[in-house]
Each structure stands twice: as structure tokens, then as C-alpha cells.
């Protein structure tokens, strides 16, 4: 699938961190939905050493628009954020 739609469940999101996060003790994606100030936390997992992977569940893509997604990584020596990406979610039939 090339587009993501409101209500999609099981969509895999993979974010390239640009360096190894295999020693991470915490991996998550901080998410801001369109038009909202609320921050959601989607628990991620390390994938192929340099990536954070998350699979969407019911309610994640609740409205159409631009979702801002920023990885949050914690290791024994570092606690920080990665680059923010933008993910477009479409209404059905768009």
C-alpha cells in the first residue's frame, strides 16, 4: 500500500535513526496528530540495529492530515530524540 488511511490497523512504521540503537533500553515514537497539542507515545522496538519499528493499532490513525512522528531513544549513556518525520494520513476514498 502506498497511502495510509484513517482507521488503518497493522501499518508498519520504520524510522531510520542513522546510527545503532541496538543498546537502547527504551524506544518509542512521540506522535502529534493533526491539529492537536496532545502528544501520544507509541512504543517501538529496535529493528535491524539502526531503526525503530512500530505497528499501528486501532485508534492510532483516527483523523486525516499530517502526523508528526519523532523517535525517542534511551540507552545507558544517552536519552534523546531523533529527527521528526511527517506522515500523511488520508480519508478513505482519497
C-alpha atoms as a PDB file:
ATOM      1  CA  UNK A   1       0.000   0.000   0.000  1.00  0.00           C
ATOM      2  CA  UNK A   2       1.343   3.397  -0.906  1.00  0.00           C
ATOM      3  CA  UNK A   3      -1.073   5.510   1.158  1.00  0.00           C
ATOM      4  CA  UNK A   4      -2.111   5.378   4.787  1.00  0.00           C
ATOM      5  CA  UNK A   5      -5.772   5.894   5.638  1.00  0.00           C
ATOM      6  CA  UNK A   6      -7.850   6.801   8.686  1.00  0.00           C
ATOM      7  CA  UNK A   7      -8.662   3.595  10.541  1.00  0.00           C
ATOM      8  CA  UNK A   8      -5.755   1.569   9.145  1.00  0.00           C
ATOM      9  CA  UNK A   9      -4.532  -1.075  11.595  1.00  0.00           C
ATOM     10  CA  UNK A  10      -1.314  -3.053  11.183  1.00  0.00           C
ATOM     11  CA  UNK A  11       0.584  -0.383   9.259  1.00  0.00           C
ATOM     12  CA  UNK A  12       4.291  -0.807   9.952  1.00  0.00           C
ATOM     13  CA  UNK A  13       6.222   2.390  10.580  1.00  0.00           C
ATOM     14  CA  UNK A  14      10.008   2.128  10.420  1.00  0.00           C
ATOM     15  CA  UNK A  15      12.118   5.174  11.301  1.00  0.00           C
ATOM     16  CA  UNK A  16      15.819   5.302  10.420  1.00  0.00           C
ATOM     17  CA  UNK A  17      17.778   6.652  13.400  1.00  0.00           C
ATOM     18  CA  UNK A  18      21.017   6.939  11.435  1.00  0.00           C
ATOM     19  CA  UNK A  19      23.131   5.036  13.927  1.00  0.00           C
ATOM     20  CA  UNK A  20      22.955   1.895  16.013  1.00  0.00           C
ATOM     21  CA  UNK A  21      20.282   1.825  18.687  1.00  0.00           C
ATOM     22  CA  UNK A  22      20.785  -1.863  19.478  1.00  0.00           C
ATOM     23  CA  UNK A  23      21.741  -0.973  23.080  1.00  0.00           C
ATOM     24  CA  UNK A  24      18.548   1.013  23.640  1.00  0.00           C
ATOM     25  CA  UNK A  25      16.630   0.296  26.816  1.00  0.00           C
ATOM     26  CA  UNK A  26      13.666   2.359  25.594  1.00  0.00           C
ATOM     27  CA  UNK A  27      12.397   3.050  22.081  1.00  0.00           C
ATOM     28  CA  UNK A  28       9.227   4.917  21.257  1.00  0.00           C
ATOM     29  CA  UNK A  29       7.698   7.245  18.741  1.00  0.00           C
ATOM     30  CA  UNK A  30       6.291  10.524  20.017  1.00  0.00           C
ATOM     31  CA  UNK A  31       3.335  11.473  17.839  1.00  0.00           C
ATOM     32  CA  UNK A  32       1.330  14.653  17.322  1.00  0.00           C
ATOM     33  CA  UNK A  33      -1.884  14.173  15.399  1.00  0.00           C
ATOM     34  CA  UNK A  34      -3.172  16.879  13.036  1.00  0.00           C
ATOM     35  CA  UNK A  35      -4.438  19.989  14.810  1.00  0.00           C
ATOM     36  CA  UNK A  36      -3.689  18.625  18.280  1.00  0.00           C
ATOM     37  CA  UNK A  37      -1.296  19.690  21.012  1.00  0.00           C
ATOM     38  CA  UNK A  38      -1.600  16.301  22.716  1.00  0.00           C
ATOM     39  CA  UNK A  39       1.439  14.056  22.440  1.00  0.00           C
ATOM     40  CA  UNK A  40       0.898  10.331  22.005  1.00  0.00           C
ATOM     41  CA  UNK A  41       3.540   7.719  22.783  1.00  0.00           C
ATOM     42  CA  UNK A  42       3.701   4.677  20.522  1.00  0.00           C
ATOM     43  CA  UNK A  43       6.019   2.005  21.975  1.00  0.00           C
ATOM     44  CA  UNK A  44       8.589   0.943  19.427  1.00  0.00           C
ATOM     45  CA  UNK A  45      11.187  -1.755  19.100  1.00  0.00           C
ATOM     46  CA  UNK A  46      14.705  -1.843  17.687  1.00  0.00           C
ATOM     47  CA  UNK A  47      14.680  -3.159  14.147  1.00  0.00           C
ATOM     48  CA  UNK A  48      17.809  -4.067  12.129  1.00  0.00           C
ATOM     49  CA  UNK A  49      20.095  -2.172  14.535  1.00  0.00           C
ATOM     50  CA  UNK A  50      19.503   1.388  13.227  1.00  0.00           C
ATOM     51  CA  UNK A  51      15.717   1.597  13.120  1.00  0.00           C
ATOM     52  CA  UNK A  52      12.709   1.962  15.394  1.00  0.00           C
ATOM     53  CA  UNK A  53       9.700  -0.067  14.306  1.00  0.00           C
ATOM     54  CA  UNK A  54       6.061   0.325  15.326  1.00  0.00           C
ATOM     55  CA  UNK A  55       2.897  -1.401  14.118  1.00  0.00           C
ATOM     56  CA  UNK A  56      -0.289   0.659  14.340  1.00  0.00           C
ATOM     57  CA  UNK A  57      -3.289  -0.423  16.376  1.00  0.00           C
ATOM     58  CA  UNK A  58      -6.931   0.639  16.382  1.00  0.00           C
ATOM     59  CA  UNK A  59      -7.250   4.366  17.064  1.00  0.00           C
ATOM     60  CA  UNK A  60      -3.735   5.399  16.040  1.00  0.00           C
ATOM     61  CA  UNK A  61      -4.861   6.904  12.730  1.00  0.00           C
ATOM     62  CA  UNK A  62      -8.088   8.492  13.943  1.00  0.00           C
ATOM     63  CA  UNK A  63      -8.130  11.618  11.749  1.00  0.00           C
ATOM     64  CA  UNK A  64      -6.791  12.638   8.357  1.00  0.00           C
ATOM     65  CA  UNK A  65      -3.877  15.026   7.975  1.00  0.00           C
ATOM     66  CA  UNK A  66      -0.203  15.430   8.803  1.00  0.00           C
ATOM     67  CA  UNK A  67       1.115  13.353  11.712  1.00  0.00           C
ATOM     68  CA  UNK A  68       4.434  14.458  13.206  1.00  0.00           C
ATOM     69  CA  UNK A  69       6.478  11.495  14.433  1.00  0.00           C
ATOM     70  CA  UNK A  70       9.691  11.802  16.464  1.00  0.00           C
ATOM     71  CA  UNK A  71      11.685   8.843  17.799  1.00  0.00           C
ATOM     72  CA  UNK A  72      12.690   8.840  21.467  1.00  0.00           C
ATOM     73  CA  UNK A  73      15.635   6.625  22.424  1.00  0.00           C
ATOM     74  CA  UNK A  74      17.175   5.872  25.811  1.00  0.00           C
ATOM     75  CA  UNK A  75      20.422   3.962  26.312  1.00  0.00           C
ATOM     76  CA  UNK A  76      22.614   3.614  29.382  1.00  0.00           C
ATOM     77  CA  UNK A  77      24.522   6.760  28.357  1.00  0.00           C
ATOM     78  CA  UNK A  78      22.023   8.809  26.310  1.00  0.00           C
ATOM     79  CA  UNK A  79      18.412   9.966  26.408  1.00  0.00           C
ATOM     80  CA  UNK A  80      17.296  11.928  23.375  1.00  0.00           C
ATOM     81  CA  UNK A  81      15.162  12.496  20.323  1.00  0.00           C
ATOM     82  CA  UNK A  82      15.674  11.784  16.651  1.00  0.00           C
ATOM     83  CA  UNK A  83      14.589  13.809  13.658  1.00  0.00           C
ATOM     84  CA  UNK A  84      10.890  14.471  13.237  1.00  0.00           C
ATOM     85  CA  UNK A  85       9.211  12.956  10.199  1.00  0.00           C
ATOM     86  CA  UNK A  86       5.830  13.793   8.731  1.00  0.00           C
ATOM     87  CA  UNK A  87       3.352  11.080   7.807  1.00  0.00           C
ATOM     88  CA  UNK A  88       0.251  11.912   5.775  1.00  0.00           C
ATOM     89  CA  UNK A  89      -2.935  10.029   6.645  1.00  0.00           C
ATOM     90  CA  UNK A  90      -5.796  10.259   4.153  1.00  0.00           C
ATOM     91  CA  UNK A  91      -9.551   9.992   4.498  1.00  0.00           C
ATOM     92  CA  UNK A  92     -10.999   6.853   2.882  1.00  0.00           C
ATOM     93  CA  UNK A  93     -11.562   7.141  -0.871  1.00  0.00           C
ATOM     94  CA  UNK A  94      -8.966   9.934  -1.289  1.00  0.00           C
END
